[in-house]
Amino acid sequence: MSDTSRLCTVELLQSWRGGEGPQQHCPLRWAIYIETSPGIGNIYQIIGNSDNYAISVGRNQPLERDLYDRLSIGTVTLEELGEMEVILETVEIVRNVPSWNNNDWIISALGTLSQSKLSGIMPKTRLARNRTCDGICGWQSCRCSGHSR
């Protein structure tokens, strides 16, 4: 098996904004993480504020496992990693709408990935999108397209 065909786990990470714990009432923050080698991987999210959001790709980042809740959404090969990044770059970023944030981008990204040709993540991504939306909706009013309460 060549190195590019090695499977990488794709996970949805949930953290408390600012590293605060569950006893604090603050928004949850979501990111997509791909472990490219043991304990190291790429983190995908948007950063900024309503008028200047931009996609952030942190490559070769160590994952501090104690700071995150994690949900596996499938696998991609190292060869497919570039394709997945191209897909994530096409996910719409909404600006100048104060109620829209990184979590909305993650939900859209999961929806886009679930419609992609990346076979290792499709079914689990749909499930993760539903679970994520439910989790996010527990903290803020649901504005997720395609989600009904």
N, C-alpha and C. Protein backbone atom coordinates (compact mmCIF):
# COMPACT_ATOMS: atom_id res chain seq x y z
N MET A 1 0.85 -1.17 0.00
CA MET A 1 0.00 0.00 0.00
C MET A 1 0.90 1.24 0.00
N SER A 2 0.71 2.12 -0.97
CA SER A 2 1.51 3.33 -1.03
C SER A 2 1.05 4.29 0.07
N ASP A 3 1.92 5.24 0.41
CA ASP A 3 1.59 6.19 1.47
C ASP A 3 0.35 7.01 1.12
N THR A 4 0.15 7.34 -0.16
CA THR A 4 -1.01 8.17 -0.55
C THR A 4 -2.33 7.42 -0.43
N SER A 5 -2.28 6.08 -0.36
CA SER A 5 -3.52 5.31 -0.22
C SER A 5 -3.83 5.00 1.25
N ARG A 6 -2.98 5.45 2.16
CA ARG A 6 -3.22 5.24 3.59
C ARG A 6 -4.47 6.02 4.02
N LEU A 7 -5.33 5.36 4.80
CA LEU A 7 -6.57 6.01 5.26
C LEU A 7 -6.30 6.95 6.42
N CYS A 8 -6.91 8.11 6.36
CA CYS A 8 -6.83 9.11 7.43
C CYS A 8 -8.23 9.27 8.01
N THR A 9 -8.32 9.30 9.31
CA THR A 9 -9.60 9.49 9.98
C THR A 9 -10.03 10.95 9.88
N VAL A 10 -11.30 11.15 9.52
CA VAL A 10 -11.89 12.49 9.47
C VAL A 10 -12.83 12.60 10.66
N GLU A 11 -12.63 13.65 11.46
CA GLU A 11 -13.44 13.80 12.67
C GLU A 11 -14.02 15.20 12.76
N LEU A 12 -15.12 15.28 13.45
CA LEU A 12 -15.71 16.55 13.81
C LEU A 12 -15.26 16.81 15.25
N LEU A 13 -14.64 17.97 15.48
CA LEU A 13 -14.18 18.32 16.82
C LEU A 13 -15.12 19.35 17.42
N GLN A 14 -15.37 19.23 18.69
CA GLN A 14 -16.19 20.18 19.42
C GLN A 14 -15.36 20.68 20.59
N SER A 15 -15.23 21.98 20.72
CA SER A 15 -14.50 22.54 21.85
C SER A 15 -15.29 23.70 22.43
N TRP A 16 -14.93 24.06 23.63
CA TRP A 16 -15.54 25.22 24.27
C TRP A 16 -14.72 26.42 23.85
N ARG A 17 -15.38 27.43 23.32
CA ARG A 17 -14.69 28.64 22.86
C ARG A 17 -13.81 29.18 23.97
N GLY A 18 -12.57 29.45 23.63
CA GLY A 18 -11.63 29.99 24.61
C GLY A 18 -11.11 28.95 25.57
N GLY A 19 -11.38 27.65 25.31
CA GLY A 19 -10.90 26.59 26.18
C GLY A 19 -11.68 26.46 27.47
N GLU A 20 -12.79 27.15 27.58
CA GLU A 20 -13.59 27.08 28.80
C GLU A 20 -14.34 25.76 28.85
N GLY A 21 -14.75 25.36 30.03
CA GLY A 21 -15.39 24.07 30.20
C GLY A 21 -16.90 24.13 30.12
N PRO A 22 -17.53 22.96 30.17
CA PRO A 22 -18.99 22.86 30.02
C PRO A 22 -19.77 23.62 31.08
N GLN A 23 -19.18 23.87 32.23
CA GLN A 23 -19.90 24.60 33.26
C GLN A 23 -20.04 26.08 32.91
N GLN A 24 -19.29 26.57 31.93
CA GLN A 24 -19.40 27.95 31.48
C GLN A 24 -20.43 28.03 30.36
N HIS A 25 -21.21 29.07 30.33
CA HIS A 25 -22.21 29.23 29.27
C HIS A 25 -21.61 30.06 28.15
N CYS A 26 -20.98 29.37 27.22
CA CYS A 26 -20.39 30.04 26.06
C CYS A 26 -20.63 29.13 24.85
N PRO A 27 -20.57 29.69 23.66
CA PRO A 27 -20.85 28.88 22.47
C PRO A 27 -19.83 27.76 22.25
N LEU A 28 -20.33 26.66 21.77
CA LEU A 28 -19.44 25.58 21.35
C LEU A 28 -18.79 25.98 20.04
N ARG A 29 -17.60 25.48 19.80
CA ARG A 29 -16.89 25.75 18.55
C ARG A 29 -16.64 24.41 17.89
N TRP A 30 -16.89 24.35 16.60
CA TRP A 30 -16.72 23.12 15.83
C TRP A 30 -15.61 23.29 14.81
N ALA A 31 -14.96 22.18 14.47
CA ALA A 31 -13.93 22.17 13.42
C ALA A 31 -13.91 20.77 12.82
N ILE A 32 -13.38 20.68 11.61
CA ILE A 32 -13.16 19.38 10.97
C ILE A 32 -11.67 19.08 11.09
N TYR A 33 -11.37 17.86 11.50
CA TYR A 33 -9.98 17.45 11.75
C TYR A 33 -9.69 16.18 10.97
N ILE A 34 -8.55 16.16 10.30
CA ILE A 34 -8.10 14.95 9.60
C ILE A 34 -6.75 14.56 10.16
N GLU A 35 -6.70 13.40 10.79
CA GLU A 35 -5.45 12.92 11.36
C GLU A 35 -4.57 12.35 10.25
N THR A 36 -3.47 13.04 9.95
CA THR A 36 -2.59 12.63 8.86
C THR A 36 -1.45 11.73 9.34
N SER A 37 -1.15 11.78 10.63
CA SER A 37 -0.22 10.86 11.27
C SER A 37 -0.61 10.83 12.74
N PRO A 38 -0.14 9.86 13.51
CA PRO A 38 -0.62 9.72 14.90
C PRO A 38 -0.48 11.03 15.71
N GLY A 39 -1.64 11.54 16.16
CA GLY A 39 -1.67 12.73 16.99
C GLY A 39 -1.45 14.04 16.26
N ILE A 40 -1.29 14.00 14.94
CA ILE A 40 -1.03 15.19 14.12
C ILE A 40 -2.03 15.21 12.98
N GLY A 41 -2.51 16.40 12.64
CA GLY A 41 -3.44 16.47 11.52
C GLY A 41 -3.74 17.88 11.10
N ASN A 42 -4.72 17.99 10.20
CA ASN A 42 -5.15 19.28 9.66
C ASN A 42 -6.49 19.66 10.26
N ILE A 43 -6.62 20.93 10.63
CA ILE A 43 -7.86 21.45 11.21
C ILE A 43 -8.45 22.47 10.25
N TYR A 44 -9.75 22.32 9.94
CA TYR A 44 -10.46 23.19 9.01
C TYR A 44 -11.60 23.87 9.74
N GLN A 45 -11.65 25.19 9.64
CA GLN A 45 -12.70 25.99 10.27
C GLN A 45 -12.66 27.37 9.64
N ILE A 46 -13.58 28.24 10.03
CA ILE A 46 -13.44 29.63 9.61
C ILE A 46 -13.09 30.45 10.84
N ILE A 47 -12.38 31.54 10.58
CA ILE A 47 -11.98 32.43 11.66
C ILE A 47 -12.33 33.86 11.25
N GLY A 48 -12.31 34.74 12.22
CA GLY A 48 -12.61 36.13 11.97
C GLY A 48 -13.92 36.52 12.60
N ASN A 49 -14.49 37.58 12.07
CA ASN A 49 -15.81 38.01 12.54
C ASN A 49 -16.71 38.22 11.34
N SER A 50 -17.90 38.67 11.60
CA SER A 50 -18.94 38.72 10.58
C SER A 50 -18.54 39.42 9.29
N ASP A 51 -17.68 40.41 9.36
CA ASP A 51 -17.33 41.12 8.13
C ASP A 51 -16.05 40.64 7.46
N ASN A 52 -15.30 39.72 8.09
CA ASN A 52 -14.06 39.27 7.46
C ASN A 52 -13.77 37.78 7.61
N TYR A 53 -14.81 36.95 7.81
CA TYR A 53 -14.57 35.51 7.93
C TYR A 53 -13.72 35.00 6.77
N ALA A 54 -12.86 34.03 7.08
CA ALA A 54 -12.04 33.36 6.07
C ALA A 54 -11.80 31.93 6.54
N ILE A 55 -11.61 31.02 5.58
CA ILE A 55 -11.32 29.64 5.95
C ILE A 55 -9.91 29.58 6.54
N SER A 56 -9.76 28.80 7.57
CA SER A 56 -8.47 28.59 8.21
C SER A 56 -8.13 27.11 8.10
N VAL A 57 -6.96 26.83 7.56
CA VAL A 57 -6.47 25.46 7.47
C VAL A 57 -5.18 25.40 8.28
N GLY A 58 -5.25 24.69 9.39
CA GLY A 58 -4.06 24.48 10.21
C GLY A 58 -3.47 23.12 9.87
N ARG A 59 -2.34 23.11 9.21
CA ARG A 59 -1.72 21.84 8.79
C ARG A 59 -0.73 21.36 9.84
N ASN A 60 -0.67 20.03 9.97
CA ASN A 60 0.28 19.37 10.87
C ASN A 60 0.17 19.90 12.30
N GLN A 61 -1.06 20.00 12.76
CA GLN A 61 -1.35 20.50 14.10
C GLN A 61 -1.44 19.34 15.09
N PRO A 62 -0.78 19.45 16.24
CA PRO A 62 -0.99 18.41 17.27
C PRO A 62 -2.39 18.57 17.84
N LEU A 63 -3.03 17.46 18.14
CA LEU A 63 -4.38 17.50 18.70
C LEU A 63 -4.29 17.23 20.20
N GLU A 64 -4.68 18.20 20.97
CA GLU A 64 -4.75 18.02 22.42
C GLU A 64 -6.08 17.35 22.72
N ARG A 65 -6.05 16.04 22.78
CA ARG A 65 -7.27 15.23 22.85
C ARG A 65 -8.17 15.58 24.03
N ASP A 66 -7.63 16.05 25.13
CA ASP A 66 -8.45 16.35 26.30
C ASP A 66 -9.30 17.60 26.11
N LEU A 67 -8.99 18.42 25.12
CA LEU A 67 -9.72 19.67 24.93
C LEU A 67 -10.92 19.53 24.00
N TYR A 68 -11.11 18.37 23.41
CA TYR A 68 -12.13 18.22 22.37
C TYR A 68 -13.03 17.02 22.61
N ASP A 69 -14.31 17.17 22.27
CA ASP A 69 -15.18 16.03 22.04
C ASP A 69 -15.04 15.73 20.56
N ARG A 70 -15.10 14.46 20.20
CA ARG A 70 -14.83 14.09 18.82
C ARG A 70 -15.88 13.11 18.31
N LEU A 71 -16.18 13.25 17.01
CA LEU A 71 -17.10 12.35 16.34
C LEU A 71 -16.49 11.98 15.00
N SER A 72 -16.24 10.70 14.79
CA SER A 72 -15.68 10.26 13.52
C SER A 72 -16.74 10.38 12.44
N ILE A 73 -16.35 10.99 11.30
CA ILE A 73 -17.28 11.11 10.18
C ILE A 73 -16.79 10.34 8.97
N GLY A 74 -15.73 9.54 9.14
CA GLY A 74 -15.28 8.69 8.05
C GLY A 74 -13.79 8.73 7.84
N THR A 75 -13.40 8.41 6.61
CA THR A 75 -11.99 8.37 6.25
C THR A 75 -11.79 8.94 4.85
N VAL A 76 -10.60 9.42 4.62
CA VAL A 76 -10.14 9.78 3.28
C VAL A 76 -8.71 9.28 3.16
N THR A 77 -8.27 9.03 1.94
CA THR A 77 -6.87 8.68 1.74
C THR A 77 -6.07 9.98 1.68
N LEU A 78 -4.76 9.89 1.87
CA LEU A 78 -3.92 11.08 1.71
C LEU A 78 -4.07 11.65 0.30
N GLU A 79 -4.28 10.76 -0.66
CA GLU A 79 -4.48 11.21 -2.04
C GLU A 79 -5.76 12.03 -2.19
N GLU A 80 -6.81 11.66 -1.45
CA GLU A 80 -8.10 12.38 -1.50
C GLU A 80 -8.11 13.66 -0.68
N LEU A 81 -7.10 13.84 0.16
CA LEU A 81 -7.06 15.00 1.05
C LEU A 81 -7.12 16.31 0.27
N GLY A 82 -6.39 16.41 -0.82
CA GLY A 82 -6.42 17.61 -1.65
C GLY A 82 -7.80 17.88 -2.21
N GLU A 83 -8.48 16.80 -2.65
CA GLU A 83 -9.84 16.94 -3.18
C GLU A 83 -10.79 17.43 -2.09
N MET A 84 -10.62 16.91 -0.88
CA MET A 84 -11.48 17.34 0.22
C MET A 84 -11.24 18.82 0.53
N GLU A 85 -9.99 19.26 0.49
CA GLU A 85 -9.70 20.67 0.74
C GLU A 85 -10.34 21.57 -0.32
N VAL A 86 -10.31 21.13 -1.58
CA VAL A 86 -10.96 21.90 -2.65
C VAL A 86 -12.45 22.00 -2.38
N ILE A 87 -13.05 20.90 -1.94
CA ILE A 87 -14.49 20.91 -1.62
C ILE A 87 -14.77 21.90 -0.49
N LEU A 88 -13.95 21.86 0.56
CA LEU A 88 -14.18 22.75 1.70
C LEU A 88 -14.01 24.22 1.30
N GLU A 89 -13.12 24.49 0.35
CA GLU A 89 -12.92 25.87 -0.11
C GLU A 89 -14.12 26.40 -0.88
N THR A 90 -14.99 25.50 -1.36
CA THR A 90 -16.18 25.94 -2.10
C THR A 90 -17.38 26.22 -1.19
N VAL A 91 -17.26 25.85 0.09
CA VAL A 91 -18.38 26.06 1.01
C VAL A 91 -18.55 27.56 1.24
N GLU A 92 -19.78 28.02 1.07
CA GLU A 92 -20.06 29.44 1.17
C GLU A 92 -19.75 29.99 2.56
N ILE A 93 -19.12 31.14 2.58
CA ILE A 93 -18.90 31.90 3.81
C ILE A 93 -19.81 33.11 3.75
N VAL A 94 -20.68 33.23 4.75
CA VAL A 94 -21.65 34.33 4.80
C VAL A 94 -21.04 35.45 5.64
N ARG A 95 -21.05 36.64 5.10
CA ARG A 95 -20.50 37.78 5.82
C ARG A 95 -21.61 38.79 6.13
N ASN A 96 -21.36 39.58 7.14
CA ASN A 96 -22.25 40.68 7.54
C ASN A 96 -23.64 40.21 7.96
N VAL A 97 -23.72 39.01 8.47
CA VAL A 97 -24.95 38.49 9.08
C VAL A 97 -24.56 38.07 10.50
N PRO A 98 -24.83 38.90 11.48
CA PRO A 98 -24.34 38.65 12.84
C PRO A 98 -24.71 37.29 13.43
N SER A 99 -25.82 36.72 13.02
CA SER A 99 -26.24 35.43 13.58
C SER A 99 -25.52 34.24 12.94
N TRP A 100 -24.77 34.45 11.85
CA TRP A 100 -24.07 33.37 11.14
C TRP A 100 -22.65 33.28 11.69
N ASN A 101 -22.15 32.02 11.88
CA ASN A 101 -20.80 31.87 12.42
C ASN A 101 -20.15 30.57 11.94
N ASN A 102 -19.02 30.24 12.54
CA ASN A 102 -18.26 29.05 12.17
C ASN A 102 -19.11 27.79 12.22
N ASN A 103 -19.98 27.67 13.21
CA ASN A 103 -20.79 26.47 13.33
C ASN A 103 -21.71 26.29 12.13
N ASP A 104 -22.24 27.39 11.60
CA ASP A 104 -23.08 27.32 10.40
C ASP A 104 -22.24 26.86 9.21
N TRP A 105 -20.99 27.34 9.14
CA TRP A 105 -20.09 26.91 8.07
C TRP A 105 -19.82 25.41 8.16
N ILE A 106 -19.60 24.92 9.37
CA ILE A 106 -19.35 23.48 9.57
C ILE A 106 -20.54 22.66 9.09
N ILE A 107 -21.76 23.09 9.44
CA ILE A 107 -22.95 22.36 9.00
C ILE A 107 -23.04 22.36 7.48
N SER A 108 -22.77 23.50 6.85
CA SER A 108 -22.76 23.56 5.38
C SER A 108 -21.67 22.68 4.80
N ALA A 109 -20.50 22.68 5.43
CA ALA A 109 -19.39 21.85 4.95
C ALA A 109 -19.75 20.37 5.02
N LEU A 110 -20.40 19.95 6.10
CA LEU A 110 -20.81 18.55 6.22
C LEU A 110 -21.82 18.19 5.14
N GLY A 111 -22.74 19.10 4.86
CA GLY A 111 -23.71 18.86 3.79
C GLY A 111 -23.03 18.74 2.44
N THR A 112 -22.06 19.62 2.17
CA THR A 112 -21.33 19.58 0.90
C THR A 112 -20.52 18.30 0.79
N LEU A 113 -19.84 17.91 1.86
CA LEU A 113 -19.05 16.68 1.84
C LEU A 113 -19.94 15.45 1.64
N SER A 114 -21.15 15.49 2.21
CA SER A 114 -22.04 14.33 2.07
C SER A 114 -22.50 14.13 0.63
N GLN A 115 -22.43 15.19 -0.18
CA GLN A 115 -22.82 15.10 -1.58
C GLN A 115 -21.62 14.87 -2.50
N SER A 116 -20.44 14.74 -1.92
CA SER A 116 -19.23 14.59 -2.73
C SER A 116 -19.03 13.13 -3.14
N LYS A 117 -18.00 12.92 -3.92
CA LYS A 117 -17.64 11.57 -4.37
C LYS A 117 -16.66 10.89 -3.42
N LEU A 118 -16.40 11.49 -2.27
CA LEU A 118 -15.49 10.89 -1.29
C LEU A 118 -16.25 9.80 -0.55
N SER A 119 -16.14 8.58 -1.01
CA SER A 119 -16.98 7.49 -0.53
C SER A 119 -16.74 7.13 0.93
N GLY A 120 -15.58 7.44 1.47
CA GLY A 120 -15.28 7.08 2.85
C GLY A 120 -15.95 7.95 3.88
N ILE A 121 -16.60 9.03 3.46
CA ILE A 121 -17.21 9.90 4.46
C ILE A 121 -18.69 10.17 4.23
N MET A 122 -19.24 9.77 3.10
CA MET A 122 -20.62 10.16 2.78
C MET A 122 -21.67 9.79 3.83
N PRO A 123 -21.89 8.52 4.14
CA PRO A 123 -23.00 8.21 5.06
C PRO A 123 -22.79 8.79 6.46
N LYS A 124 -21.58 8.68 6.99
CA LYS A 124 -21.33 9.19 8.33
C LYS A 124 -21.42 10.70 8.38
N THR A 125 -21.09 11.38 7.29
CA THR A 125 -21.16 12.83 7.26
C THR A 125 -22.60 13.30 7.39
N ARG A 126 -23.53 12.61 6.74
CA ARG A 126 -24.94 12.97 6.88
C ARG A 126 -25.39 12.83 8.33
N LEU A 127 -25.00 11.74 8.97
CA LEU A 127 -25.35 11.52 10.37
C LEU A 127 -24.70 12.60 11.24
N ALA A 128 -23.44 12.90 10.99
CA ALA A 128 -22.74 13.91 11.78
C ALA A 128 -23.38 15.28 11.61
N ARG A 129 -23.81 15.59 10.39
CA ARG A 129 -24.46 16.89 10.14
C ARG A 129 -25.71 17.00 11.00
N ASN A 130 -26.50 15.94 11.04
CA ASN A 130 -27.73 15.97 11.85
C ASN A 130 -27.40 16.10 13.33
N ARG A 131 -26.42 15.33 13.80
CA ARG A 131 -26.04 15.41 15.22
C ARG A 131 -25.45 16.76 15.56
N THR A 132 -24.64 17.31 14.66
CA THR A 132 -24.02 18.61 14.90
C THR A 132 -25.07 19.68 14.97
N CYS A 133 -25.97 19.67 14.04
CA CYS A 133 -27.03 20.67 14.04
C CYS A 133 -27.82 20.58 15.33
N ASP A 134 -28.14 19.38 15.76
CA ASP A 134 -28.87 19.23 17.02
C ASP A 134 -28.06 19.78 18.18
N GLY A 135 -26.74 19.51 18.19
CA GLY A 135 -25.88 20.02 19.25
C GLY A 135 -25.77 21.52 19.24
N ILE A 136 -25.59 22.09 18.06
CA ILE A 136 -25.49 23.53 17.94
C ILE A 136 -26.82 24.18 18.30
N CYS A 137 -27.89 23.55 17.88
CA CYS A 137 -29.21 24.13 18.12
C CYS A 137 -29.55 24.17 19.60
N GLY A 138 -28.87 23.37 20.40
CA GLY A 138 -29.06 23.44 21.83
C GLY A 138 -28.49 24.72 22.42
N TRP A 139 -27.62 25.40 21.67
CA TRP A 139 -26.96 26.61 22.17
C TRP A 139 -27.46 27.88 21.51
N GLN A 140 -28.01 27.76 20.34
CA GLN A 140 -28.48 28.96 19.64
C GLN A 140 -29.70 28.57 18.83
N SER A 141 -30.46 29.54 18.42
CA SER A 141 -31.64 29.25 17.60
C SER A 141 -31.19 28.62 16.30
N CYS A 142 -31.90 27.60 15.89
CA CYS A 142 -31.51 26.90 14.66
C CYS A 142 -31.83 27.74 13.43
N ARG A 143 -30.84 27.96 12.63
CA ARG A 143 -31.00 28.63 11.36
C ARG A 143 -30.42 27.79 10.24
N CYS A 144 -30.26 26.51 10.50
CA CYS A 144 -29.61 25.61 9.56
C CYS A 144 -30.57 25.31 8.41
N SER A 145 -30.10 25.47 7.19
CA SER A 145 -30.95 25.16 6.06
C SER A 145 -31.20 23.65 6.01
N GLY A 146 -32.41 23.28 5.74
CA GLY A 146 -32.74 21.87 5.62
C GLY A 146 -32.96 21.16 6.95
N HIS A 147 -32.92 21.90 8.05
CA HIS A 147 -33.12 21.27 9.36
C HIS A 147 -34.42 21.80 9.95
N SER A 148 -35.27 20.90 10.33
CA SER A 148 -36.51 21.34 10.97
C SER A 148 -36.57 20.81 12.39
N ARG A 149 -37.14 21.57 13.25
CA ARG A 149 -37.27 21.18 14.66
C ARG A 149 -38.65 20.66 14.90
